[in-house]
PDB file of N, CA and C in Angstrom:
ATOM      1  N   UNK A   1     -13.929   0.138 -14.819  1.00  0.00           N
ATOM      2  CA  UNK A   1     -13.721   1.544 -15.152  1.00  0.00           C
ATOM      3  C   UNK A   1     -12.562   2.050 -14.368  1.00  0.00           C
ATOM      4  N   UNK A   2     -11.734   2.807 -14.977  1.00  0.00           N
ATOM      5  CA  UNK A   2     -10.564   3.349 -14.256  1.00  0.00           C
ATOM      6  C   UNK A   2     -10.958   4.592 -13.466  1.00  0.00           C
ATOM      7  N   UNK A   3     -10.579   4.617 -12.177  1.00  0.00           N
ATOM      8  CA  UNK A   3     -10.951   5.864 -11.398  1.00  0.00           C
ATOM      9  C   UNK A   3      -9.962   6.991 -11.688  1.00  0.00           C
ATOM     10  N   UNK A   4     -10.354   8.206 -11.576  1.00  0.00           N
ATOM     11  CA  UNK A   4      -9.454   9.223 -11.750  1.00  0.00           C
ATOM     12  C   UNK A   4      -8.609   9.377 -10.557  1.00  0.00           C
ATOM     13  N   UNK A   5      -7.620  10.343 -10.545  1.00  0.00           N
ATOM     14  CA  UNK A   5      -6.683  10.433  -9.421  1.00  0.00           C
ATOM     15  C   UNK A   5      -7.444  10.745  -8.147  1.00  0.00           C
ATOM     16  N   UNK A   6      -8.392  11.682  -8.180  1.00  0.00           N
ATOM     17  CA  UNK A   6      -9.167  12.036  -6.957  1.00  0.00           C
ATOM     18  C   UNK A   6      -9.953  10.865  -6.430  1.00  0.00           C
ATOM     19  N   UNK A   7     -10.590  10.163  -7.243  1.00  0.00           N
ATOM     20  CA  UNK A   7     -11.348   9.027  -6.816  1.00  0.00           C
ATOM     21  C   UNK A   7     -10.497   7.919  -6.194  1.00  0.00           C
ATOM     22  N   UNK A   8      -9.322   7.684  -6.830  1.00  0.00           N
ATOM     23  CA  UNK A   8      -8.424   6.711  -6.238  1.00  0.00           C
ATOM     24  C   UNK A   8      -7.903   7.183  -4.809  1.00  0.00           C
ATOM     25  N   UNK A   9      -7.529   8.386  -4.733  1.00  0.00           N
ATOM     26  CA  UNK A   9      -7.081   8.941  -3.463  1.00  0.00           C
ATOM     27  C   UNK A   9      -8.161   8.824  -2.398  1.00  0.00           C
ATOM     28  N   UNK A  10      -9.399   9.078  -2.790  1.00  0.00           N
ATOM     29  CA  UNK A  10     -10.484   9.000  -1.852  1.00  0.00           C
ATOM     30  C   UNK A  10     -10.761   7.505  -1.407  1.00  0.00           C
ATOM     31  N   UNK A  11     -10.679   6.639  -2.357  1.00  0.00           N
ATOM     32  CA  UNK A  11     -10.850   5.223  -2.103  1.00  0.00           C
ATOM     33  C   UNK A  11      -9.748   4.726  -1.221  1.00  0.00           C
ATOM     34  N   UNK A  12      -8.530   5.097  -1.442  1.00  0.00           N
ATOM     35  CA  UNK A  12      -7.390   4.677  -0.574  1.00  0.00           C
ATOM     36  C   UNK A  12      -7.449   5.260   0.810  1.00  0.00           C
ATOM     37  N   UNK A  13      -7.907   6.496   0.930  1.00  0.00           N
ATOM     38  CA  UNK A  13      -8.094   7.131   2.246  1.00  0.00           C
ATOM     39  C   UNK A  13      -9.143   6.320   3.045  1.00  0.00           C
ATOM     40  N   UNK A  14     -10.272   5.958   2.364  1.00  0.00           N
ATOM     41  CA  UNK A  14     -11.339   5.289   2.971  1.00  0.00           C
ATOM     42  C   UNK A  14     -10.828   3.850   3.424  1.00  0.00           C
ATOM     43  N   UNK A  15     -10.077   3.278   2.552  1.00  0.00           N
ATOM     44  CA  UNK A  15      -9.485   1.941   2.888  1.00  0.00           C
ATOM     45  C   UNK A  15      -8.598   2.021   4.186  1.00  0.00           C
ATOM     46  N   UNK A  16      -7.818   2.980   4.263  1.00  0.00           N
ATOM     47  CA  UNK A  16      -6.991   3.261   5.467  1.00  0.00           C
ATOM     48  C   UNK A  16      -7.799   3.428   6.632  1.00  0.00           C
ATOM     49  N   UNK A  17      -8.896   4.171   6.582  1.00  0.00           N
ATOM     50  CA  UNK A  17      -9.744   4.361   7.692  1.00  0.00           C
ATOM     51  C   UNK A  17     -10.350   3.023   8.124  1.00  0.00           C
ATOM     52  N   UNK A  18     -10.838   2.251   7.202  1.00  0.00           N
ATOM     53  CA  UNK A  18     -11.385   0.889   7.461  1.00  0.00           C
ATOM     54  C   UNK A  18     -10.352   0.060   8.180  1.00  0.00           C
ATOM     55  N   UNK A  19      -9.109   0.115   7.604  1.00  0.00           N
ATOM     56  CA  UNK A  19      -8.068  -0.785   8.195  1.00  0.00           C
ATOM     57  C   UNK A  19      -7.743  -0.360   9.626  1.00  0.00           C
ATOM     58  N   UNK A  20      -7.598   0.923   9.800  1.00  0.00           N
ATOM     59  CA  UNK A  20      -7.210   1.488  11.129  1.00  0.00           C
ATOM     60  C   UNK A  20      -8.327   1.166  12.167  1.00  0.00           C
ATOM     61  N   UNK A  21      -9.584   1.162  11.733  1.00  0.00           N
ATOM     62  CA  UNK A  21     -10.677   0.878  12.609  1.00  0.00           C
ATOM     63  C   UNK A  21     -10.938  -0.624  12.759  1.00  0.00           C
ATOM     64  N   UNK A  22     -10.152  -1.397  12.038  1.00  0.00           N
ATOM     65  CA  UNK A  22     -10.263  -2.914  11.988  1.00  0.00           C
ATOM     66  C   UNK A  22     -11.663  -3.267  11.595  1.00  0.00           C
ATOM     67  N   UNK A  23     -12.250  -2.594  10.618  1.00  0.00           N
ATOM     68  CA  UNK A  23     -13.555  -2.847  10.019  1.00  0.00           C
ATOM     69  C   UNK A  23     -13.482  -3.313   8.642  1.00  0.00           C
ATOM     70  N   UNK A  24     -12.735  -4.382   8.336  1.00  0.00           N
ATOM     71  CA  UNK A  24     -12.595  -4.842   6.961  1.00  0.00           C
ATOM     72  C   UNK A  24     -12.785  -6.335   6.959  1.00  0.00           C
ATOM     73  N   UNK A  25     -13.989  -6.831   7.310  1.00  0.00           N
ATOM     74  CA  UNK A  25     -14.201  -8.268   7.422  1.00  0.00           C
ATOM     75  C   UNK A  25     -14.027  -9.068   6.100  1.00  0.00           C
ATOM     76  N   UNK A  26     -14.318  -8.359   5.002  1.00  0.00           N
ATOM     77  CA  UNK A  26     -14.204  -9.052   3.729  1.00  0.00           C
ATOM     78  C   UNK A  26     -12.857  -8.749   2.997  1.00  0.00           C
ATOM     79  N   UNK A  27     -11.935  -8.006   3.719  1.00  0.00           N
ATOM     80  CA  UNK A  27     -10.598  -7.683   3.271  1.00  0.00           C
ATOM     81  C   UNK A  27     -10.493  -6.843   1.981  1.00  0.00           C
ATOM     82  N   UNK A  28     -11.560  -6.075   1.804  1.00  0.00           N
ATOM     83  CA  UNK A  28     -11.615  -5.147   0.603  1.00  0.00           C
ATOM     84  C   UNK A  28     -10.606  -4.020   0.795  1.00  0.00           C
ATOM     85  N   UNK A  29     -10.517  -3.471   1.963  1.00  0.00           N
ATOM     86  CA  UNK A  29      -9.547  -2.401   2.234  1.00  0.00           C
ATOM     87  C   UNK A  29      -8.172  -2.854   2.128  1.00  0.00           C
ATOM     88  N   UNK A  30      -7.934  -4.048   2.778  1.00  0.00           N
ATOM     89  CA  UNK A  30      -6.592  -4.614   2.730  1.00  0.00           C
ATOM     90  C   UNK A  30      -6.137  -4.893   1.285  1.00  0.00           C
ATOM     91  N   UNK A  31      -7.077  -5.472   0.535  1.00  0.00           N
ATOM     92  CA  UNK A  31      -6.732  -5.768  -0.897  1.00  0.00           C
ATOM     93  C   UNK A  31      -6.509  -4.502  -1.752  1.00  0.00           C
ATOM     94  N   UNK A  32      -7.251  -3.504  -1.505  1.00  0.00           N
ATOM     95  CA  UNK A  32      -7.079  -2.231  -2.224  1.00  0.00           C
ATOM     96  C   UNK A  32      -5.718  -1.565  -1.921  1.00  0.00           C
ATOM     97  N   UNK A  33      -5.424  -1.569  -0.671  1.00  0.00           N
ATOM     98  CA  UNK A  33      -4.110  -0.971  -0.309  1.00  0.00           C
ATOM     99  C   UNK A  33      -2.891  -1.781  -0.892  1.00  0.00           C
ATOM    100  N   UNK A  34      -3.064  -3.108  -0.776  1.00  0.00           N
ATOM    101  CA  UNK A  34      -2.026  -3.964  -1.355  1.00  0.00           C
ATOM    102  C   UNK A  34      -1.897  -3.781  -2.891  1.00  0.00           C
ATOM    103  N   UNK A  35      -3.024  -3.813  -3.577  1.00  0.00           N
ATOM    104  CA  UNK A  35      -2.980  -3.664  -5.017  1.00  0.00           C
ATOM    105  C   UNK A  35      -2.568  -2.363  -5.476  1.00  0.00           C
ATOM    106  N   UNK A  36      -2.869  -1.240  -4.761  1.00  0.00           N
ATOM    107  CA  UNK A  36      -2.382   0.065  -5.152  1.00  0.00           C
ATOM    108  C   UNK A  36      -0.963   0.123  -5.081  1.00  0.00           C
ATOM    109  N   UNK A  37      -0.341  -0.404  -4.022  1.00  0.00           N
ATOM    110  CA  UNK A  37       1.136  -0.376  -3.907  1.00  0.00           C
ATOM    111  C   UNK A  37       1.807  -1.233  -4.942  1.00  0.00           C
ATOM    112  N   UNK A  38       1.243  -2.404  -5.262  1.00  0.00           N
ATOM    113  CA  UNK A  38       1.751  -3.308  -6.290  1.00  0.00           C
ATOM    114  C   UNK A  38       1.639  -2.632  -7.694  1.00  0.00           C
ATOM    115  N   UNK A  39       0.497  -2.032  -7.948  1.00  0.00           N
ATOM    116  CA  UNK A  39       0.343  -1.271  -9.200  1.00  0.00           C
ATOM    117  C   UNK A  39       1.341  -0.251  -9.371  1.00  0.00           C
ATOM    118  N   UNK A  40       1.719   0.519  -8.370  1.00  0.00           N
ATOM    119  CA  UNK A  40       2.691   1.537  -8.474  1.00  0.00           C
ATOM    120  C   UNK A  40       4.025   0.978  -8.914  1.00  0.00           C
ATOM    121  N   UNK A  41       4.374  -0.125  -8.341  1.00  0.00           N
ATOM    122  CA  UNK A  41       5.691  -0.885  -8.748  1.00  0.00           C
ATOM    123  C   UNK A  41       5.638  -1.354 -10.113  1.00  0.00           C
ATOM    124  N   UNK A  42       4.542  -2.020 -10.497  1.00  0.00           N
ATOM    125  CA  UNK A  42       4.363  -2.611 -11.854  1.00  0.00           C
ATOM    126  C   UNK A  42       4.273  -1.468 -12.847  1.00  0.00           C
ATOM    127  N   UNK A  43       3.740  -0.287 -12.505  1.00  0.00           N
ATOM    128  CA  UNK A  43       3.740   0.776 -13.461  1.00  0.00           C
ATOM    129  C   UNK A  43       5.206   1.180 -13.793  1.00  0.00           C
ATOM    130  N   UNK A  44       6.158   1.200 -12.859  1.00  0.00           N
ATOM    131  CA  UNK A  44       7.564   1.472 -13.151  1.00  0.00           C
ATOM    132  C   UNK A  44       8.172   0.393 -14.082  1.00  0.00           C
ATOM    133  N   UNK A  45       7.814  -0.849 -13.844  1.00  0.00           N
ATOM    134  CA  UNK A  45       8.260  -1.921 -14.754  1.00  0.00           C
ATOM    135  C   UNK A  45       7.749  -1.641 -16.161  1.00  0.00           C
ATOM    136  N   UNK A  46       6.514  -1.292 -16.288  1.00  0.00           N
ATOM    137  CA  UNK A  46       5.891  -0.984 -17.560  1.00  0.00           C
ATOM    138  C   UNK A  46       6.608   0.056 -18.310  1.00  0.00           C
ATOM    139  N   UNK A  47       6.884   1.250 -17.584  1.00  0.00           N
ATOM    140  CA  UNK A  47       7.540   2.414 -18.197  1.00  0.00           C
ATOM    141  C   UNK A  47       8.919   2.067 -18.671  1.00  0.00           C
ATOM    142  N   UNK A  48       9.685   1.281 -17.911  1.00  0.00           N
ATOM    143  CA  UNK A  48      10.990   0.801 -18.362  1.00  0.00           C
ATOM    144  C   UNK A  48      10.924  -0.086 -19.537  1.00  0.00           C
ATOM    145  N   UNK A  49      10.010  -1.012 -19.469  1.00  0.00           N
ATOM    146  CA  UNK A  49       9.823  -2.017 -20.578  1.00  0.00           C
ATOM    147  C   UNK A  49       9.373  -1.282 -21.841  1.00  0.00           C
ATOM    148  N   UNK A  50       8.503  -0.255 -21.684  1.00  0.00           N
ATOM    149  CA  UNK A  50       8.093   0.501 -22.828  1.00  0.00           C
ATOM    150  C   UNK A  50       9.293   1.212 -23.567  1.00  0.00           C
ATOM    151  N   UNK A  51      10.175   1.761 -22.707  1.00  0.00           N
ATOM    152  CA  UNK A  51      11.372   2.449 -23.268  1.00  0.00           C
ATOM    153  C   UNK A  51      12.170   1.400 -24.002  1.00  0.00           C
ATOM    154  N   UNK A  52      12.334   0.233 -23.445  1.00  0.00           N
ATOM    155  CA  UNK A  52      13.060  -0.855 -24.113  1.00  0.00           C
ATOM    156  C   UNK A  52      12.497  -1.189 -25.438  1.00  0.00           C
ATOM    157  N   UNK A  53      11.180  -1.319 -25.533  1.00  0.00           N
ATOM    158  CA  UNK A  53      10.562  -1.686 -26.758  1.00  0.00           C
ATOM    159  C   UNK A  53      10.773  -0.572 -27.879  1.00  0.00           C
ATOM    160  N   UNK A  54      10.724   0.622 -27.418  1.00  0.00           N
ATOM    161  CA  UNK A  54      10.902   1.825 -28.343  1.00  0.00           C
ATOM    162  C   UNK A  54      12.314   2.065 -28.741  1.00  0.00           C
ATOM    163  N   UNK A  55      13.246   1.928 -27.838  1.00  0.00           N
ATOM    164  CA  UNK A  55      14.603   2.407 -28.040  1.00  0.00           C
ATOM    165  C   UNK A  55      15.708   1.384 -27.879  1.00  0.00           C
ATOM    166  N   UNK A  56      15.380   0.189 -27.527  1.00  0.00           N
ATOM    167  CA  UNK A  56      16.384  -0.826 -27.178  1.00  0.00           C
ATOM    168  C   UNK A  56      16.851  -0.619 -25.727  1.00  0.00           C
ATOM    169  N   UNK A  57      17.876  -1.252 -25.331  1.00  0.00           N
ATOM    170  CA  UNK A  57      18.212  -1.195 -23.906  1.00  0.00           C
ATOM    171  C   UNK A  57      19.641  -1.223 -23.725  1.00  0.00           C
ATOM    172  N   UNK A  58      20.247  -0.176 -23.184  1.00  0.00           N
ATOM    173  CA  UNK A  58      21.654  -0.099 -22.826  1.00  0.00           C
ATOM    174  C   UNK A  58      21.748  -0.749 -21.467  1.00  0.00           C
ATOM    175  N   UNK A  59      23.030  -0.737 -20.934  1.00  0.00           N
ATOM    176  CA  UNK A  59      23.274  -1.384 -19.616  1.00  0.00           C
ATOM    177  C   UNK A  59      22.550  -0.709 -18.484  1.00  0.00           C
ATOM    178  N   UNK A  60      22.499   0.554 -18.446  1.00  0.00           N
ATOM    179  CA  UNK A  60      21.710   1.194 -17.339  1.00  0.00           C
ATOM    180  C   UNK A  60      20.256   0.989 -17.398  1.00  0.00           C
ATOM    181  N   UNK A  61      19.746   0.961 -18.620  1.00  0.00           N
ATOM    182  CA  UNK A  61      18.241   0.650 -18.692  1.00  0.00           C
ATOM    183  C   UNK A  61      18.006  -0.738 -18.283  1.00  0.00           C
ATOM    184  N   UNK A  62      18.852  -1.686 -18.610  1.00  0.00           N
ATOM    185  CA  UNK A  62      18.656  -3.024 -18.268  1.00  0.00           C
ATOM    186  C   UNK A  62      18.711  -3.219 -16.728  1.00  0.00           C
ATOM    187  N   UNK A  63      19.633  -2.472 -16.105  1.00  0.00           N
ATOM    188  CA  UNK A  63      19.815  -2.424 -14.677  1.00  0.00           C
ATOM    189  C   UNK A  63      18.545  -1.941 -14.004  1.00  0.00           C
ATOM    190  N   UNK A  64      17.995  -0.791 -14.551  1.00  0.00           N
ATOM    191  CA  UNK A  64      16.832  -0.259 -14.064  1.00  0.00           C
ATOM    192  C   UNK A  64      15.606  -1.156 -14.094  1.00  0.00           C
ATOM    193  N   UNK A  65      15.470  -1.905 -15.244  1.00  0.00           N
ATOM    194  CA  UNK A  65      14.388  -2.881 -15.405  1.00  0.00           C
ATOM    195  C   UNK A  65      14.542  -3.953 -14.366  1.00  0.00           C
ATOM    196  N   UNK A  66      15.763  -4.483 -14.168  1.00  0.00           N
ATOM    197  CA  UNK A  66      15.954  -5.577 -13.191  1.00  0.00           C
ATOM    198  C   UNK A  66      15.631  -5.130 -11.871  1.00  0.00           C
ATOM    199  N   UNK A  67      16.042  -3.899 -11.472  1.00  0.00           N
ATOM    200  CA  UNK A  67      15.689  -3.352 -10.123  1.00  0.00           C
ATOM    201  C   UNK A  67      14.186  -3.130  -9.958  1.00  0.00           C
ATOM    202  N   UNK A  68      13.519  -2.766 -10.987  1.00  0.00           N
ATOM    203  CA  UNK A  68      12.059  -2.533 -10.928  1.00  0.00           C
ATOM    204  C   UNK A  68      11.317  -3.887 -10.701  1.00  0.00           C
ATOM    205  N   UNK A  69      11.785  -4.888 -11.402  1.00  0.00           N
ATOM    206  CA  UNK A  69      11.279  -6.251 -11.294  1.00  0.00           C
ATOM    207  C   UNK A  69      11.521  -6.753  -9.839  1.00  0.00           C
ATOM    208  N   UNK A  70      12.790  -6.574  -9.394  1.00  0.00           N
ATOM    209  CA  UNK A  70      13.090  -6.997  -8.022  1.00  0.00           C
ATOM    210  C   UNK A  70      12.282  -6.245  -6.982  1.00  0.00           C
ATOM    211  N   UNK A  71      11.964  -5.027  -7.173  1.00  0.00           N
ATOM    212  CA  UNK A  71      11.103  -4.281  -6.217  1.00  0.00           C
ATOM    213  C   UNK A  71       9.696  -4.891  -6.181  1.00  0.00           C
ATOM    214  N   UNK A  72       9.198  -5.336  -7.321  1.00  0.00           N
ATOM    215  CA  UNK A  72       7.874  -6.067  -7.235  1.00  0.00           C
ATOM    216  C   UNK A  72       7.965  -7.337  -6.482  1.00  0.00           C
ATOM    217  N   UNK A  73       9.019  -8.093  -6.774  1.00  0.00           N
ATOM    218  CA  UNK A  73       9.131  -9.282  -5.982  1.00  0.00           C
ATOM    219  C   UNK A  73       9.285  -9.110  -4.488  1.00  0.00           C
ATOM    220  N   UNK A  74      10.091  -8.103  -4.102  1.00  0.00           N
ATOM    221  CA  UNK A  74      10.314  -7.717  -2.720  1.00  0.00           C
ATOM    222  C   UNK A  74       9.000  -7.346  -2.067  1.00  0.00           C
ATOM    223  N   UNK A  75       8.262  -6.567  -2.769  1.00  0.00           N
ATOM    224  CA  UNK A  75       6.948  -6.090  -2.301  1.00  0.00           C
ATOM    225  C   UNK A  75       5.983  -7.241  -2.007  1.00  0.00           C
ATOM    226  N   UNK A  76       6.026  -8.248  -2.908  1.00  0.00           N
ATOM    227  CA  UNK A  76       5.178  -9.351  -2.718  1.00  0.00           C
ATOM    228  C   UNK A  76       5.677 -10.218  -1.589  1.00  0.00           C
ATOM    229  N   UNK A  77       6.986 -10.409  -1.460  1.00  0.00           N
ATOM    230  CA  UNK A  77       7.587 -11.283  -0.438  1.00  0.00           C
ATOM    231  C   UNK A  77       7.481 -10.649   0.940  1.00  0.00           C
ATOM    232  N   UNK A  78       7.332  -9.375   1.011  1.00  0.00           N
ATOM    233  CA  UNK A  78       7.250  -8.735   2.305  1.00  0.00           C
ATOM    234  C   UNK A  78       5.845  -8.158   2.605  1.00  0.00           C
ATOM    235  N   UNK A  79       4.823  -8.592   1.886  1.00  0.00           N
ATOM    236  CA  UNK A  79       3.531  -7.991   2.068  1.00  0.00           C
ATOM    237  C   UNK A  79       3.023  -8.285   3.420  1.00  0.00           C
ATOM    238  N   UNK A  80       3.195  -9.534   3.945  1.00  0.00           N
ATOM    239  CA  UNK A  80       2.690  -9.895   5.196  1.00  0.00           C
ATOM    240  C   UNK A  80       3.478  -9.146   6.354  1.00  0.00           C
ATOM    241  N   UNK A  81       4.741  -8.882   6.180  1.00  0.00           N
ATOM    242  CA  UNK A  81       5.540  -8.101   7.160  1.00  0.00           C
ATOM    243  C   UNK A  81       4.948  -6.731   7.267  1.00  0.00           C
ATOM    244  N   UNK A  82       4.618  -6.094   6.148  1.00  0.00           N
ATOM    245  CA  UNK A  82       4.004  -4.715   6.133  1.00  0.00           C
ATOM    246  C   UNK A  82       2.749  -4.720   6.880  1.00  0.00           C
ATOM    247  N   UNK A  83       1.985  -5.748   6.631  1.00  0.00           N
ATOM    248  CA  UNK A  83       0.667  -5.883   7.246  1.00  0.00           C
ATOM    249  C   UNK A  83       0.875  -6.059   8.825  1.00  0.00           C
ATOM    250  N   UNK A  84       1.810  -6.858   9.195  1.00  0.00           N
ATOM    251  CA  UNK A  84       2.016  -7.034  10.580  1.00  0.00           C
ATOM    252  C   UNK A  84       2.512  -5.750  11.253  1.00  0.00           C
ATOM    253  N   UNK A  85       3.194  -4.897  10.554  1.00  0.00           N
ATOM    254  CA  UNK A  85       3.723  -3.665  11.145  1.00  0.00           C
ATOM    255  C   UNK A  85       2.622  -2.517  11.138  1.00  0.00           C
ATOM    256  N   UNK A  86       1.373  -2.930  10.705  1.00  0.00           N
ATOM    257  CA  UNK A  86       0.335  -1.947  10.704  1.00  0.00           C
ATOM    258  C   UNK A  86       0.087  -1.155   9.443  1.00  0.00           C
ATOM    259  N   UNK A  87       0.740  -1.625   8.359  1.00  0.00           N
ATOM    260  CA  UNK A  87       0.649  -0.911   7.057  1.00  0.00           C
ATOM    261  C   UNK A  87      -0.447  -1.570   6.264  1.00  0.00           C
ATOM    262  N   UNK A  88      -1.185  -2.490   6.816  1.00  0.00           N
ATOM    263  CA  UNK A  88      -2.342  -3.152   6.103  1.00  0.00           C
ATOM    264  C   UNK A  88      -3.097  -3.793   7.210  1.00  0.00           C
ATOM    265  N   UNK A  89      -4.297  -4.300   6.848  1.00  0.00           N
ATOM    266  CA  UNK A  89      -5.185  -4.929   7.832  1.00  0.00           C
ATOM    267  C   UNK A  89      -4.590  -6.229   8.272  1.00  0.00           C
ATOM    268  N   UNK A  90      -4.850  -6.565   9.531  1.00  0.00           N
ATOM    269  CA  UNK A  90      -4.338  -7.866  10.023  1.00  0.00           C
ATOM    270  C   UNK A  90      -5.513  -8.927   9.970  1.00  0.00           C
ATOM    271  N   UNK A  91      -6.537  -8.686   9.349  1.00  0.00           N
ATOM    272  CA  UNK A  91      -7.725  -9.579   9.234  1.00  0.00           C
ATOM    273  C   UNK A  91      -7.383 -10.781   8.449  1.00  0.00           C
TER     274      UNK A  91
END
């Protein structure tokens, strides 16, 4: 089931509290925080790809899609760095 905006914000806030208190032995909070960030980036890829399917793609649209895909790759490649800087659980 898809949570509404308020439910998602509440869950992310709770995940942050668990992470800050280092009370995430099953890595649920860490996973939720990571997946929420990744989802945000993949949503951008989806929106650009959807415009491509509907309207075709000029050079600027292509560049935007490439950048969106690169942002997802960078997010995944630097996930551990963000966690080490305190932006995710270190469990």
